[in-house]
């Protein structure tokens, strides 16, 4: 019986270690993805601001029809 009990303990410890390793791996992956997401959001906000600064003011726009240039 003692052998079975020690095998069960060893399996339990191995399973616990595996789960803890998996949790640590997922935590680090979440950290990396969060960092990349923050960088992307920052870049996109800067890009959007630059694009908006170059955009023409809202209002009526002239039609650009080829036959008007004749």
PDB file of N, CA and C in Angstrom:
ATOM      1  N   UNK A   1       0.813  -1.202   0.000  1.00  0.00           N
ATOM      2  CA  UNK A   1       0.000   0.000   0.000  1.00  0.00           C
ATOM      3  C   UNK A   1       0.850   1.257   0.000  1.00  0.00           C
ATOM      4  N   UNK A   2       1.966   1.185   0.741  1.00  0.00           N
ATOM      5  CA  UNK A   2       2.821   2.374   0.807  1.00  0.00           C
ATOM      6  C   UNK A   2       3.370   2.738  -0.569  1.00  0.00           C
ATOM      7  N   UNK A   3       3.646   1.725  -1.369  1.00  0.00           N
ATOM      8  CA  UNK A   3       4.177   1.983  -2.716  1.00  0.00           C
ATOM      9  C   UNK A   3       3.133   2.727  -3.543  1.00  0.00           C
ATOM     10  N   UNK A   4       1.903   2.295  -3.494  1.00  0.00           N
ATOM     11  CA  UNK A   4       0.840   2.976  -4.237  1.00  0.00           C
ATOM     12  C   UNK A   4       0.645   4.413  -3.739  1.00  0.00           C
ATOM     13  N   UNK A   5       0.737   4.588  -2.446  1.00  0.00           N
ATOM     14  CA  UNK A   5       0.585   5.918  -1.877  1.00  0.00           C
ATOM     15  C   UNK A   5       1.716   6.849  -2.348  1.00  0.00           C
ATOM     16  N   UNK A   6       2.937   6.353  -2.363  1.00  0.00           N
ATOM     17  CA  UNK A   6       4.068   7.174  -2.809  1.00  0.00           C
ATOM     18  C   UNK A   6       3.991   7.442  -4.310  1.00  0.00           C
ATOM     19  N   UNK A   7       3.509   6.478  -5.095  1.00  0.00           N
ATOM     20  CA  UNK A   7       3.327   6.701  -6.540  1.00  0.00           C
ATOM     21  C   UNK A   7       2.276   7.783  -6.752  1.00  0.00           C
ATOM     22  N   UNK A   8       1.192   7.714  -5.987  1.00  0.00           N
ATOM     23  CA  UNK A   8       0.143   8.739  -6.090  1.00  0.00           C
ATOM     24  C   UNK A   8       0.660  10.120  -5.741  1.00  0.00           C
ATOM     25  N   UNK A   9       1.478  10.198  -4.706  1.00  0.00           N
ATOM     26  CA  UNK A   9       2.068  11.483  -4.320  1.00  0.00           C
ATOM     27  C   UNK A   9       2.990  12.016  -5.412  1.00  0.00           C
ATOM     28  N   UNK A  10       3.797  11.140  -5.979  1.00  0.00           N
ATOM     29  CA  UNK A  10       4.729  11.551  -7.036  1.00  0.00           C
ATOM     30  C   UNK A  10       3.957  12.055  -8.251  1.00  0.00           C
ATOM     31  N   UNK A  11       2.896  11.338  -8.624  1.00  0.00           N
ATOM     32  CA  UNK A  11       2.076  11.770  -9.765  1.00  0.00           C
ATOM     33  C   UNK A  11       1.404  13.103  -9.459  1.00  0.00           C
ATOM     34  N   UNK A  12       0.917  13.252  -8.233  1.00  0.00           N
ATOM     35  CA  UNK A  12       0.279  14.510  -7.842  1.00  0.00           C
ATOM     36  C   UNK A  12       1.240  15.683  -7.894  1.00  0.00           C
ATOM     37  N   UNK A  13       2.468  15.453  -7.409  1.00  0.00           N
ATOM     38  CA  UNK A  13       3.473  16.520  -7.448  1.00  0.00           C
ATOM     39  C   UNK A  13       3.855  16.853  -8.892  1.00  0.00           C
ATOM     40  N   UNK A  14       3.981  15.820  -9.715  1.00  0.00           N
ATOM     41  CA  UNK A  14       4.307  16.063 -11.128  1.00  0.00           C
ATOM     42  C   UNK A  14       3.197  16.823 -11.836  1.00  0.00           C
ATOM     43  N   UNK A  15       1.960  16.440 -11.552  1.00  0.00           N
ATOM     44  CA  UNK A  15       0.821  17.123 -12.154  1.00  0.00           C
ATOM     45  C   UNK A  15       0.760  18.572 -11.675  1.00  0.00           C
ATOM     46  N   UNK A  16       0.978  18.786 -10.392  1.00  0.00           N
ATOM     47  CA  UNK A  16       0.966  20.142  -9.842  1.00  0.00           C
ATOM     48  C   UNK A  16       2.061  20.987 -10.482  1.00  0.00           C
ATOM     49  N   UNK A  17       3.250  20.409 -10.628  1.00  0.00           N
ATOM     50  CA  UNK A  17       4.356  21.142 -11.263  1.00  0.00           C
ATOM     51  C   UNK A  17       4.036  21.481 -12.709  1.00  0.00           C
ATOM     52  N   UNK A  18       3.421  20.532 -13.401  1.00  0.00           N
ATOM     53  CA  UNK A  18       3.049  20.784 -14.792  1.00  0.00           C
ATOM     54  C   UNK A  18       2.025  21.896 -14.925  1.00  0.00           C
ATOM     55  N   UNK A  19       1.042  21.892 -14.045  1.00  0.00           N
ATOM     56  CA  UNK A  19       0.020  22.942 -14.077  1.00  0.00           C
ATOM     57  C   UNK A  19       0.622  24.296 -13.726  1.00  0.00           C
ATOM     58  N   UNK A  20       1.509  24.332 -12.729  1.00  0.00           N
ATOM     59  CA  UNK A  20       2.164  25.588 -12.364  1.00  0.00           C
ATOM     60  C   UNK A  20       3.022  26.107 -13.511  1.00  0.00           C
ATOM     61  N   UNK A  21       3.710  25.203 -14.206  1.00  0.00           N
ATOM     62  CA  UNK A  21       4.500  25.602 -15.372  1.00  0.00           C
ATOM     63  C   UNK A  21       3.627  26.150 -16.485  1.00  0.00           C
ATOM     64  N   UNK A  22       2.495  25.504 -16.702  1.00  0.00           N
ATOM     65  CA  UNK A  22       1.563  25.967 -17.731  1.00  0.00           C
ATOM     66  C   UNK A  22       1.012  27.348 -17.378  1.00  0.00           C
ATOM     67  N   UNK A  23       0.684  27.554 -16.125  1.00  0.00           N
ATOM     68  CA  UNK A  23       0.176  28.856 -15.685  1.00  0.00           C
ATOM     69  C   UNK A  23       1.249  29.933 -15.870  1.00  0.00           C
ATOM     70  N   UNK A  24       2.486  29.619 -15.504  1.00  0.00           N
ATOM     71  CA  UNK A  24       3.577  30.586 -15.661  1.00  0.00           C
ATOM     72  C   UNK A  24       3.790  30.917 -17.144  1.00  0.00           C
ATOM     73  N   UNK A  25       3.721  29.901 -17.995  1.00  0.00           N
ATOM     74  CA  UNK A  25       3.876  30.133 -19.433  1.00  0.00           C
ATOM     75  C   UNK A  25       2.762  31.006 -19.990  1.00  0.00           C
ATOM     76  N   UNK A  26       1.544  30.732 -19.578  1.00  0.00           N
ATOM     77  CA  UNK A  26       0.418  31.542 -20.060  1.00  0.00           C
ATOM     78  C   UNK A  26       0.484  32.971 -19.524  1.00  0.00           C
ATOM     79  N   UNK A  27       0.951  33.134 -18.291  1.00  0.00           N
ATOM     80  CA  UNK A  27       1.127  34.479 -17.741  1.00  0.00           C
ATOM     81  C   UNK A  27       2.150  35.276 -18.544  1.00  0.00           C
ATOM     82  N   UNK A  28       3.255  34.648 -18.882  1.00  0.00           N
ATOM     83  CA  UNK A  28       4.277  35.359 -19.659  1.00  0.00           C
ATOM     84  C   UNK A  28       3.781  35.661 -21.065  1.00  0.00           C
ATOM     85  N   UNK A  29       3.030  34.743 -21.653  1.00  0.00           N
ATOM     86  CA  UNK A  29       2.464  34.987 -22.978  1.00  0.00           C
ATOM     87  C   UNK A  29       1.472  36.134 -22.926  1.00  0.00           C
ATOM     88  N   UNK A  30       0.646  36.175 -21.894  1.00  0.00           N
ATOM     89  CA  UNK A  30      -0.307  37.267 -21.731  1.00  0.00           C
ATOM     90  C   UNK A  30       0.418  38.597 -21.591  1.00  0.00           C
ATOM     91  N   UNK A  31       1.510  38.605 -20.867  1.00  0.00           N
ATOM     92  CA  UNK A  31       2.301  39.824 -20.696  1.00  0.00           C
ATOM     93  C   UNK A  31       2.858  40.293 -22.040  1.00  0.00           C
ATOM     94  N   UNK A  32       3.368  39.371 -22.838  1.00  0.00           N
ATOM     95  CA  UNK A  32       3.942  39.729 -24.140  1.00  0.00           C
ATOM     96  C   UNK A  32       2.855  40.260 -25.072  1.00  0.00           C
ATOM     97  N   UNK A  33       1.717  39.584 -25.092  1.00  0.00           N
ATOM     98  CA  UNK A  33       0.620  40.024 -25.964  1.00  0.00           C
ATOM     99  C   UNK A  33       0.092  41.378 -25.506  1.00  0.00           C
ATOM    100  N   UNK A  34      -0.008  41.590 -24.202  1.00  0.00           N
ATOM    101  CA  UNK A  34      -0.462  42.882 -23.688  1.00  0.00           C
ATOM    102  C   UNK A  34       0.492  43.995 -24.060  1.00  0.00           C
ATOM    103  N   UNK A  35       1.796  43.741 -23.976  1.00  0.00           N
ATOM    104  CA  UNK A  35       2.798  44.740 -24.348  1.00  0.00           C
ATOM    105  C   UNK A  35       2.689  45.077 -25.836  1.00  0.00           C
ATOM    106  N   UNK A  36       2.552  44.048 -26.676  1.00  0.00           N
ATOM    107  CA  UNK A  36       2.422  44.286 -28.122  1.00  0.00           C
ATOM    108  C   UNK A  36       1.139  45.052 -28.426  1.00  0.00           C
ATOM    109  N   UNK A  37       0.067  44.722 -27.739  1.00  0.00           N
ATOM    110  CA  UNK A  37      -1.195  45.419 -27.945  1.00  0.00           C
ATOM    111  C   UNK A  37      -1.086  46.888 -27.548  1.00  0.00           C
ATOM    112  N   UNK A  38      -0.423  47.165 -26.428  1.00  0.00           N
ATOM    113  CA  UNK A  38      -0.234  48.551 -26.008  1.00  0.00           C
ATOM    114  C   UNK A  38       0.594  49.332 -27.024  1.00  0.00           C
ATOM    115  N   UNK A  39       1.635  48.710 -27.532  1.00  0.00           N
ATOM    116  CA  UNK A  39       2.463  49.385 -28.551  1.00  0.00           C
ATOM    117  C   UNK A  39       1.670  49.649 -29.818  1.00  0.00           C
ATOM    118  N   UNK A  40       0.847  48.671 -30.234  1.00  0.00           N
ATOM    119  CA  UNK A  40       0.031  48.846 -31.432  1.00  0.00           C
ATOM    120  C   UNK A  40      -0.982  49.967 -31.224  1.00  0.00           C
ATOM    121  N   UNK A  41      -1.627  50.004 -30.058  1.00  0.00           N
ATOM    122  CA  UNK A  41      -2.601  51.062 -29.779  1.00  0.00           C
ATOM    123  C   UNK A  41      -1.948  52.435 -29.790  1.00  0.00           C
ATOM    124  N   UNK A  42      -0.756  52.536 -29.212  1.00  0.00           N
ATOM    125  CA  UNK A  42      -0.036  53.812 -29.185  1.00  0.00           C
ATOM    126  C   UNK A  42       0.325  54.251 -30.605  1.00  0.00           C
ATOM    127  N   UNK A  43       0.841  53.315 -31.411  1.00  0.00           N
ATOM    128  CA  UNK A  43       1.201  53.624 -32.798  1.00  0.00           C
ATOM    129  C   UNK A  43      -0.032  54.043 -33.580  1.00  0.00           C
ATOM    130  N   UNK A  44      -1.128  53.320 -33.413  1.00  0.00           N
ATOM    131  CA  UNK A  44      -2.352  53.612 -34.166  1.00  0.00           C
ATOM    132  C   UNK A  44      -2.911  54.983 -33.772  1.00  0.00           C
ATOM    133  N   UNK A  45      -2.830  55.344 -32.497  1.00  0.00           N
ATOM    134  CA  UNK A  45      -3.315  56.652 -32.055  1.00  0.00           C
ATOM    135  C   UNK A  45      -2.467  57.769 -32.673  1.00  0.00           C
ATOM    136  N   UNK A  46      -1.152  57.578 -32.724  1.00  0.00           N
ATOM    137  CA  UNK A  46      -0.281  58.583 -33.341  1.00  0.00           C
ATOM    138  C   UNK A  46      -0.560  58.683 -34.832  1.00  0.00           C
ATOM    139  N   UNK A  47      -0.732  57.553 -35.482  1.00  0.00           N
ATOM    140  CA  UNK A  47      -0.994  57.541 -36.926  1.00  0.00           C
ATOM    141  C   UNK A  47      -2.316  58.219 -37.233  1.00  0.00           C
ATOM    142  N   UNK A  48      -3.333  57.939 -36.445  1.00  0.00           N
ATOM    143  CA  UNK A  48      -4.643  58.538 -36.656  1.00  0.00           C
ATOM    144  C   UNK A  48      -4.566  60.050 -36.495  1.00  0.00           C
ATOM    145  N   UNK A  49      -3.841  60.511 -35.502  1.00  0.00           N
ATOM    146  CA  UNK A  49      -3.691  61.952 -35.301  1.00  0.00           C
ATOM    147  C   UNK A  49      -2.986  62.595 -36.490  1.00  0.00           C
ATOM    148  N   UNK A  50      -1.951  61.938 -37.020  1.00  0.00           N
ATOM    149  CA  UNK A  50      -1.249  62.489 -38.192  1.00  0.00           C
ATOM    150  C   UNK A  50      -2.160  62.526 -39.407  1.00  0.00           C
ATOM    151  N   UNK A  51      -2.938  61.464 -39.615  1.00  0.00           N
ATOM    152  CA  UNK A  51      -3.827  61.430 -40.766  1.00  0.00           C
ATOM    153  C   UNK A  51      -4.919  62.490 -40.646  1.00  0.00           C
ATOM    154  N   UNK A  52      -5.436  62.680 -39.448  1.00  0.00           N
ATOM    155  CA  UNK A  52      -6.484  63.692 -39.267  1.00  0.00           C
ATOM    156  C   UNK A  52      -5.935  65.091 -39.475  1.00  0.00           C
ATOM    157  N   UNK A  53      -4.682  65.326 -39.146  1.00  0.00           N
ATOM    158  CA  UNK A  53      -4.114  66.660 -39.316  1.00  0.00           C
ATOM    159  C   UNK A  53      -3.921  66.979 -40.800  1.00  0.00           C
ATOM    160  N   UNK A  54      -3.770  65.984 -41.642  1.00  0.00           N
ATOM    161  CA  UNK A  54      -3.594  66.202 -43.083  1.00  0.00           C
ATOM    162  C   UNK A  54      -4.914  66.250 -43.849  1.00  0.00           C
ATOM    163  N   UNK A  55      -5.982  65.822 -43.218  1.00  0.00           N
ATOM    164  CA  UNK A  55      -7.267  65.752 -43.905  1.00  0.00           C
ATOM    165  C   UNK A  55      -7.814  67.152 -44.160  1.00  0.00           C
ATOM    166  N   UNK A  56      -8.502  67.309 -45.290  1.00  0.00           N
ATOM    167  CA  UNK A  56      -9.126  68.589 -45.598  1.00  0.00           C
ATOM    168  C   UNK A  56     -10.269  68.844 -44.639  1.00  0.00           C
ATOM    169  N   UNK A  57     -10.562  70.104 -44.386  1.00  0.00           N
ATOM    170  CA  UNK A  57     -11.711  70.390 -43.527  1.00  0.00           C
ATOM    171  C   UNK A  57     -13.002  69.908 -44.183  1.00  0.00           C
ATOM    172  N   UNK A  58     -13.939  69.548 -43.350  1.00  0.00           N
ATOM    173  CA  UNK A  58     -15.219  69.063 -43.872  1.00  0.00           C
ATOM    174  C   UNK A  58     -15.940  70.205 -44.574  1.00  0.00           C
ATOM    175  N   UNK A  59     -16.679  69.863 -45.562  1.00  0.00           N
ATOM    176  CA  UNK A  59     -17.432  70.865 -46.308  1.00  0.00           C
ATOM    177  C   UNK A  59     -17.655  70.377 -47.719  1.00  0.00           C
ATOM    178  N   UNK A  60     -18.305  71.191 -48.543  1.00  0.00           N
ATOM    179  CA  UNK A  60     -18.566  70.751 -49.924  1.00  0.00           C
ATOM    180  C   UNK A  60     -17.258  70.612 -50.693  1.00  0.00           C
ATOM    181  N   UNK A  61     -17.185  69.562 -51.448  1.00  0.00           N
ATOM    182  CA  UNK A  61     -15.989  69.320 -52.257  1.00  0.00           C
ATOM    183  C   UNK A  61     -16.365  69.446 -53.731  1.00  0.00           C
ATOM    184  N   UNK A  62     -15.492  70.038 -54.519  1.00  0.00           N
ATOM    185  CA  UNK A  62     -15.809  70.181 -55.946  1.00  0.00           C
ATOM    186  C   UNK A  62     -15.782  68.825 -56.641  1.00  0.00           C
ATOM    187  N   UNK A  63     -16.622  68.697 -57.638  1.00  0.00           N
ATOM    188  CA  UNK A  63     -16.626  67.462 -58.421  1.00  0.00           C
ATOM    189  C   UNK A  63     -15.427  67.473 -59.354  1.00  0.00           C
ATOM    190  N   UNK A  64     -14.757  66.359 -59.451  1.00  0.00           N
ATOM    191  CA  UNK A  64     -13.622  66.247 -60.356  1.00  0.00           C
ATOM    192  C   UNK A  64     -14.043  65.321 -61.478  1.00  0.00           C
ATOM    193  N   UNK A  65     -14.693  65.882 -62.484  1.00  0.00           N
ATOM    194  CA  UNK A  65     -15.175  65.092 -63.616  1.00  0.00           C
ATOM    195  C   UNK A  65     -14.282  65.366 -64.808  1.00  0.00           C
ATOM    196  N   UNK A  66     -13.874  64.312 -65.519  1.00  0.00           N
ATOM    197  CA  UNK A  66     -12.933  64.504 -66.629  1.00  0.00           C
ATOM    198  C   UNK A  66     -13.437  65.424 -67.723  1.00  0.00           C
ATOM    199  N   UNK A  67     -14.730  65.407 -68.038  1.00  0.00           N
ATOM    200  CA  UNK A  67     -15.225  66.235 -69.156  1.00  0.00           C
ATOM    201  C   UNK A  67     -15.229  67.719 -68.808  1.00  0.00           C
ATOM    202  N   UNK A  68     -15.083  68.076 -67.535  1.00  0.00           N
ATOM    203  CA  UNK A  68     -15.024  69.486 -67.177  1.00  0.00           C
ATOM    204  C   UNK A  68     -13.660  70.098 -67.514  1.00  0.00           C
ATOM    205  N   UNK A  69     -12.652  69.255 -67.742  1.00  0.00           N
ATOM    206  CA  UNK A  69     -11.298  69.746 -68.033  1.00  0.00           C
ATOM    207  C   UNK A  69     -11.072  69.990 -69.516  1.00  0.00           C
ATOM    208  N   UNK A  70     -12.070  69.831 -70.365  1.00  0.00           N
ATOM    209  CA  UNK A  70     -11.897  70.020 -71.807  1.00  0.00           C
ATOM    210  C   UNK A  70     -11.805  71.455 -72.216  1.00  0.00           C
TER     211      UNK A  70
END
